[in-house]
């Protein structure tokens, strides 16, 4: 769970601040914090070669692939 902190004097911020204080929610100050926590900025390796499935093909048919 993630929460944006609020002013300590605002009654409407008590819930979010309580969750952060008790480590039940991670503190988020900016959208980039959410991107970091979700792992959306991690670079994932791309597969550059597609595997060919030659099951059930004759030798002649495999040569044409």
PDB file of N, CA and C in Angstrom:
ATOM      1  N   UNK A   1       0.846  -1.145   0.000  1.00  0.00           N
ATOM      2  CA  UNK A   1       0.000   0.000   0.000  1.00  0.00           C
ATOM      3  C   UNK A   1       0.903   1.222   0.000  1.00  0.00           C
ATOM      4  N   UNK A   2       0.464   2.272  -0.648  1.00  0.00           N
ATOM      5  CA  UNK A   2       1.219   3.510  -0.749  1.00  0.00           C
ATOM      6  C   UNK A   2       0.344   4.660  -0.281  1.00  0.00           C
ATOM      7  N   UNK A   3       0.962   5.680   0.296  1.00  0.00           N
ATOM      8  CA  UNK A   3       0.205   6.824   0.790  1.00  0.00           C
ATOM      9  C   UNK A   3       0.991   8.106   0.592  1.00  0.00           C
ATOM     10  N   UNK A   4       0.248   9.159   0.275  1.00  0.00           N
ATOM     11  CA  UNK A   4       0.816  10.500   0.213  1.00  0.00           C
ATOM     12  C   UNK A   4       0.684  11.123   1.604  1.00  0.00           C
ATOM     13  N   UNK A   5       1.754  11.678   2.140  1.00  0.00           N
ATOM     14  CA  UNK A   5       1.657  12.295   3.460  1.00  0.00           C
ATOM     15  C   UNK A   5       0.874  13.608   3.383  1.00  0.00           C
ATOM     16  N   UNK A   6       0.280  13.958   4.492  1.00  0.00           N
ATOM     17  CA  UNK A   6      -0.435  15.230   4.563  1.00  0.00           C
ATOM     18  C   UNK A   6       0.080  16.046   5.745  1.00  0.00           C
ATOM     19  N   UNK A   7      -0.456  17.240   5.907  1.00  0.00           N
ATOM     20  CA  UNK A   7      -0.064  18.079   7.039  1.00  0.00           C
ATOM     21  C   UNK A   7      -0.464  17.402   8.340  1.00  0.00           C
ATOM     22  N   UNK A   8       0.397  17.458   9.314  1.00  0.00           N
ATOM     23  CA  UNK A   8       0.115  16.802  10.594  1.00  0.00           C
ATOM     24  C   UNK A   8      -1.031  17.468  11.338  1.00  0.00           C
ATOM     25  N   UNK A   9      -1.368  18.688  10.982  1.00  0.00           N
ATOM     26  CA  UNK A   9      -2.458  19.387  11.654  1.00  0.00           C
ATOM     27  C   UNK A   9      -3.820  19.168  10.986  1.00  0.00           C
ATOM     28  N   UNK A  10      -3.840  18.559   9.807  1.00  0.00           N
ATOM     29  CA  UNK A  10      -5.092  18.318   9.082  1.00  0.00           C
ATOM     30  C   UNK A  10      -5.725  17.007   9.515  1.00  0.00           C
ATOM     31  N   UNK A  11      -6.988  17.075   9.908  1.00  0.00           N
ATOM     32  CA  UNK A  11      -7.722  15.870  10.313  1.00  0.00           C
ATOM     33  C   UNK A  11      -7.844  14.906   9.136  1.00  0.00           C
ATOM     34  N   UNK A  12      -7.978  15.433   7.925  1.00  0.00           N
ATOM     35  CA  UNK A  12      -8.147  14.574   6.747  1.00  0.00           C
ATOM     36  C   UNK A  12      -6.861  13.847   6.360  1.00  0.00           C
ATOM     37  N   UNK A  13      -5.737  14.199   6.955  1.00  0.00           N
ATOM     38  CA  UNK A  13      -4.465  13.536   6.656  1.00  0.00           C
ATOM     39  C   UNK A  13      -4.106  12.473   7.686  1.00  0.00           C
ATOM     40  N   UNK A  14      -4.900  12.342   8.722  1.00  0.00           N
ATOM     41  CA  UNK A  14      -4.564  11.404   9.803  1.00  0.00           C
ATOM     42  C   UNK A  14      -4.425   9.967   9.316  1.00  0.00           C
ATOM     43  N   UNK A  15      -5.299   9.537   8.429  1.00  0.00           N
ATOM     44  CA  UNK A  15      -5.262   8.153   7.944  1.00  0.00           C
ATOM     45  C   UNK A  15      -3.984   7.820   7.200  1.00  0.00           C
ATOM     46  N   UNK A  16      -3.644   8.648   6.216  1.00  0.00           N
ATOM     47  CA  UNK A  16      -2.417   8.419   5.432  1.00  0.00           C
ATOM     48  C   UNK A  16      -1.185   8.505   6.314  1.00  0.00           C
ATOM     49  N   UNK A  17      -1.144   9.520   7.160  1.00  0.00           N
ATOM     50  CA  UNK A  17       0.020   9.684   8.037  1.00  0.00           C
ATOM     51  C   UNK A  17       0.156   8.524   9.014  1.00  0.00           C
ATOM     52  N   UNK A  18      -0.957   7.997   9.504  1.00  0.00           N
ATOM     53  CA  UNK A  18      -0.917   6.856  10.415  1.00  0.00           C
ATOM     54  C   UNK A  18      -0.369   5.613   9.702  1.00  0.00           C
ATOM     55  N   UNK A  19      -0.833   5.375   8.473  1.00  0.00           N
ATOM     56  CA  UNK A  19      -0.348   4.213   7.718  1.00  0.00           C
ATOM     57  C   UNK A  19       1.150   4.299   7.459  1.00  0.00           C
ATOM     58  N   UNK A  20       1.640   5.487   7.146  1.00  0.00           N
ATOM     59  CA  UNK A  20       3.071   5.678   6.915  1.00  0.00           C
ATOM     60  C   UNK A  20       3.846   5.501   8.224  1.00  0.00           C
ATOM     61  N   UNK A  21       3.340   6.096   9.293  1.00  0.00           N
ATOM     62  CA  UNK A  21       4.007   6.052  10.597  1.00  0.00           C
ATOM     63  C   UNK A  21       4.138   4.622  11.119  1.00  0.00           C
ATOM     64  N   UNK A  22       3.142   3.798  10.874  1.00  0.00           N
ATOM     65  CA  UNK A  22       3.141   2.423  11.381  1.00  0.00           C
ATOM     66  C   UNK A  22       3.683   1.427  10.358  1.00  0.00           C
ATOM     67  N   UNK A  23       4.307   1.935   9.305  1.00  0.00           N
ATOM     68  CA  UNK A  23       4.914   1.097   8.249  1.00  0.00           C
ATOM     69  C   UNK A  23       3.916   0.171   7.574  1.00  0.00           C
ATOM     70  N   UNK A  24       2.692   0.615   7.460  1.00  0.00           N
ATOM     71  CA  UNK A  24       1.678  -0.162   6.741  1.00  0.00           C
ATOM     72  C   UNK A  24       1.513   0.325   5.308  1.00  0.00           C
ATOM     73  N   UNK A  25       2.131   1.461   5.011  1.00  0.00           N
ATOM     74  CA  UNK A  25       2.115   2.015   3.658  1.00  0.00           C
ATOM     75  C   UNK A  25       3.467   2.657   3.385  1.00  0.00           C
ATOM     76  N   UNK A  26       3.888   2.566   2.145  1.00  0.00           N
ATOM     77  CA  UNK A  26       5.141   3.210   1.738  1.00  0.00           C
ATOM     78  C   UNK A  26       4.859   4.679   1.424  1.00  0.00           C
ATOM     79  N   UNK A  27       5.802   5.511   1.774  1.00  0.00           N
ATOM     80  CA  UNK A  27       5.676   6.948   1.548  1.00  0.00           C
ATOM     81  C   UNK A  27       5.896   7.279   0.085  1.00  0.00           C
ATOM     82  N   UNK A  28       4.985   8.043  -0.479  1.00  0.00           N
ATOM     83  CA  UNK A  28       5.107   8.489  -1.864  1.00  0.00           C
ATOM     84  C   UNK A  28       5.017  10.005  -1.875  1.00  0.00           C
ATOM     85  N   UNK A  29       6.029  10.666  -2.415  1.00  0.00           N
ATOM     86  CA  UNK A  29       6.028  12.115  -2.552  1.00  0.00           C
ATOM     87  C   UNK A  29       5.779  12.562  -3.987  1.00  0.00           C
ATOM     88  N   UNK A  30       6.188  11.735  -4.942  1.00  0.00           N
ATOM     89  CA  UNK A  30       6.111  12.076  -6.355  1.00  0.00           C
ATOM     90  C   UNK A  30       5.661  10.850  -7.140  1.00  0.00           C
ATOM     91  N   UNK A  31       5.199  11.070  -8.356  1.00  0.00           N
ATOM     92  CA  UNK A  31       4.812   9.964  -9.228  1.00  0.00           C
ATOM     93  C   UNK A  31       5.996   9.041  -9.498  1.00  0.00           C
ATOM     94  N   UNK A  32       7.210   9.605  -9.535  1.00  0.00           N
ATOM     95  CA  UNK A  32       8.392   8.769  -9.791  1.00  0.00           C
ATOM     96  C   UNK A  32       8.621   7.763  -8.660  1.00  0.00           C
ATOM     97  N   UNK A  33       8.137   8.070  -7.451  1.00  0.00           N
ATOM     98  CA  UNK A  33       8.237   7.104  -6.347  1.00  0.00           C
ATOM     99  C   UNK A  33       7.399   5.865  -6.644  1.00  0.00           C
ATOM    100  N   UNK A  34       6.192   6.071  -7.162  1.00  0.00           N
ATOM    101  CA  UNK A  34       5.330   4.945  -7.508  1.00  0.00           C
ATOM    102  C   UNK A  34       5.950   4.122  -8.634  1.00  0.00           C
ATOM    103  N   UNK A  35       6.516   4.796  -9.632  1.00  0.00           N
ATOM    104  CA  UNK A  35       7.186   4.093 -10.739  1.00  0.00           C
ATOM    105  C   UNK A  35       8.314   3.228 -10.188  1.00  0.00           C
ATOM    106  N   UNK A  36       9.081   3.759  -9.237  1.00  0.00           N
ATOM    107  CA  UNK A  36      10.180   3.007  -8.621  1.00  0.00           C
ATOM    108  C   UNK A  36       9.653   1.789  -7.863  1.00  0.00           C
ATOM    109  N   UNK A  37       8.659   1.992  -7.003  1.00  0.00           N
ATOM    110  CA  UNK A  37       8.133   0.882  -6.191  1.00  0.00           C
ATOM    111  C   UNK A  37       7.518  -0.219  -7.058  1.00  0.00           C
ATOM    112  N   UNK A  38       6.890   0.168  -8.159  1.00  0.00           N
ATOM    113  CA  UNK A  38       6.247  -0.809  -9.028  1.00  0.00           C
ATOM    114  C   UNK A  38       7.237  -1.497  -9.966  1.00  0.00           C
ATOM    115  N   UNK A  39       8.467  -0.968 -10.052  1.00  0.00           N
ATOM    116  CA  UNK A  39       9.479  -1.569 -10.920  1.00  0.00           C
ATOM    117  C   UNK A  39       9.229  -1.313 -12.388  1.00  0.00           C
ATOM    118  N   UNK A  40       8.491  -0.248 -12.701  1.00  0.00           N
ATOM    119  CA  UNK A  40       8.152   0.046 -14.090  1.00  0.00           C
ATOM    120  C   UNK A  40       9.305   0.617 -14.873  1.00  0.00           C
ATOM    121  N   UNK A  41      10.363   1.085 -14.230  1.00  0.00           N
ATOM    122  CA  UNK A  41      11.488   1.679 -14.955  1.00  0.00           C
ATOM    123  C   UNK A  41      12.636   0.704 -15.154  1.00  0.00           C
ATOM    124  N   UNK A  42      12.449  -0.536 -14.769  1.00  0.00           N
ATOM    125  CA  UNK A  42      13.497  -1.529 -14.956  1.00  0.00           C
ATOM    126  C   UNK A  42      13.578  -1.922 -16.420  1.00  0.00           C
ATOM    127  N   UNK A  43      14.793  -2.031 -16.916  1.00  0.00           N
ATOM    128  CA  UNK A  43      15.005  -2.432 -18.293  1.00  0.00           C
ATOM    129  C   UNK A  43      14.975  -3.949 -18.353  1.00  0.00           C
ATOM    130  N   UNK A  44      14.103  -4.453 -19.189  1.00  0.00           N
ATOM    131  CA  UNK A  44      13.977  -5.900 -19.355  1.00  0.00           C
ATOM    132  C   UNK A  44      14.632  -6.300 -20.671  1.00  0.00           C
ATOM    133  N   UNK A  45      15.438  -7.357 -20.639  1.00  0.00           N
ATOM    134  CA  UNK A  45      16.103  -7.771 -21.879  1.00  0.00           C
ATOM    135  C   UNK A  45      15.090  -8.239 -22.921  1.00  0.00           C
ATOM    136  N   UNK A  46      15.333  -7.848 -24.147  1.00  0.00           N
ATOM    137  CA  UNK A  46      14.452  -8.250 -25.237  1.00  0.00           C
ATOM    138  C   UNK A  46      15.046  -9.449 -25.956  1.00  0.00           C
ATOM    139  N   UNK A  47      14.204 -10.355 -26.313  1.00  0.00           N
ATOM    140  CA  UNK A  47      14.644 -11.505 -27.083  1.00  0.00           C
ATOM    141  C   UNK A  47      14.764 -11.061 -28.536  1.00  0.00           C
ATOM    142  N   UNK A  48      15.927 -11.247 -29.111  1.00  0.00           N
ATOM    143  CA  UNK A  48      16.171 -10.748 -30.457  1.00  0.00           C
ATOM    144  C   UNK A  48      15.935 -11.781 -31.542  1.00  0.00           C
ATOM    145  N   UNK A  49      15.809 -13.031 -31.156  1.00  0.00           N
ATOM    146  CA  UNK A  49      15.650 -14.083 -32.161  1.00  0.00           C
ATOM    147  C   UNK A  49      14.440 -14.935 -31.821  1.00  0.00           C
ATOM    148  N   UNK A  50      13.605 -15.171 -32.791  1.00  0.00           N
ATOM    149  CA  UNK A  50      12.430 -15.994 -32.584  1.00  0.00           C
ATOM    150  C   UNK A  50      12.792 -17.453 -32.852  1.00  0.00           C
ATOM    151  N   UNK A  51      12.360 -18.312 -31.955  1.00  0.00           N
ATOM    152  CA  UNK A  51      12.614 -19.744 -32.103  1.00  0.00           C
ATOM    153  C   UNK A  51      11.677 -20.315 -33.152  1.00  0.00           C
ATOM    154  N   UNK A  52      12.229 -21.093 -34.067  1.00  0.00           N
ATOM    155  CA  UNK A  52      11.410 -21.719 -35.098  1.00  0.00           C
ATOM    156  C   UNK A  52      10.943 -23.085 -34.617  1.00  0.00           C
ATOM    157  N   UNK A  53       9.692 -23.362 -34.836  1.00  0.00           N
ATOM    158  CA  UNK A  53       9.147 -24.662 -34.496  1.00  0.00           C
ATOM    159  C   UNK A  53       9.045 -25.487 -35.772  1.00  0.00           C
ATOM    160  N   UNK A  54       9.862 -26.506 -35.847  1.00  0.00           N
ATOM    161  CA  UNK A  54       9.919 -27.335 -37.053  1.00  0.00           C
ATOM    162  C   UNK A  54       9.366 -28.731 -36.793  1.00  0.00           C
ATOM    163  N   UNK A  55       8.508 -28.843 -35.829  1.00  0.00           N
ATOM    164  CA  UNK A  55       7.949 -30.153 -35.471  1.00  0.00           C
ATOM    165  C   UNK A  55       7.037 -30.648 -36.585  1.00  0.00           C
ATOM    166  N   UNK A  56       7.244 -31.875 -37.006  1.00  0.00           N
ATOM    167  CA  UNK A  56       6.387 -32.498 -38.006  1.00  0.00           C
ATOM    168  C   UNK A  56       6.690 -32.102 -39.439  1.00  0.00           C
ATOM    169  N   UNK A  57       7.760 -31.341 -39.675  1.00  0.00           N
ATOM    170  CA  UNK A  57       8.108 -30.971 -41.037  1.00  0.00           C
ATOM    171  C   UNK A  57       9.154 -31.937 -41.607  1.00  0.00           C
ATOM    172  N   UNK A  58       9.047 -32.213 -42.845  1.00  0.00           N
ATOM    173  CA  UNK A  58      10.041 -33.057 -43.498  1.00  0.00           C
ATOM    174  C   UNK A  58      11.335 -32.266 -43.667  1.00  0.00           C
ATOM    175  N   UNK A  59      12.417 -32.968 -44.006  1.00  0.00           N
ATOM    176  CA  UNK A  59      13.708 -32.280 -44.214  1.00  0.00           C
ATOM    177  C   UNK A  59      13.581 -31.235 -45.324  1.00  0.00           C
ATOM    178  N   UNK A  60      12.850 -31.558 -46.365  1.00  0.00           N
ATOM    179  CA  UNK A  60      12.643 -30.626 -47.480  1.00  0.00           C
ATOM    180  C   UNK A  60      11.919 -29.368 -46.997  1.00  0.00           C
ATOM    181  N   UNK A  61      10.888 -29.562 -46.198  1.00  0.00           N
ATOM    182  CA  UNK A  61      10.113 -28.421 -45.679  1.00  0.00           C
ATOM    183  C   UNK A  61      10.950 -27.572 -44.712  1.00  0.00           C
ATOM    184  N   UNK A  62      11.806 -28.213 -43.921  1.00  0.00           N
ATOM    185  CA  UNK A  62      12.640 -27.490 -42.962  1.00  0.00           C
ATOM    186  C   UNK A  62      13.645 -26.592 -43.680  1.00  0.00           C
ATOM    187  N   UNK A  63      14.141 -27.039 -44.852  1.00  0.00           N
ATOM    188  CA  UNK A  63      15.098 -26.242 -45.604  1.00  0.00           C
ATOM    189  C   UNK A  63      14.478 -24.942 -46.100  1.00  0.00           C
ATOM    190  N   UNK A  64      13.183 -24.942 -46.349  1.00  0.00           N
ATOM    191  CA  UNK A  64      12.498 -23.763 -46.860  1.00  0.00           C
ATOM    192  C   UNK A  64      12.148 -22.762 -45.766  1.00  0.00           C
ATOM    193  N   UNK A  65      12.377 -23.108 -44.527  1.00  0.00           N
ATOM    194  CA  UNK A  65      12.016 -22.195 -43.421  1.00  0.00           C
ATOM    195  C   UNK A  65      13.065 -21.187 -43.133  1.00  0.00           C
TER     196      UNK A  65
END
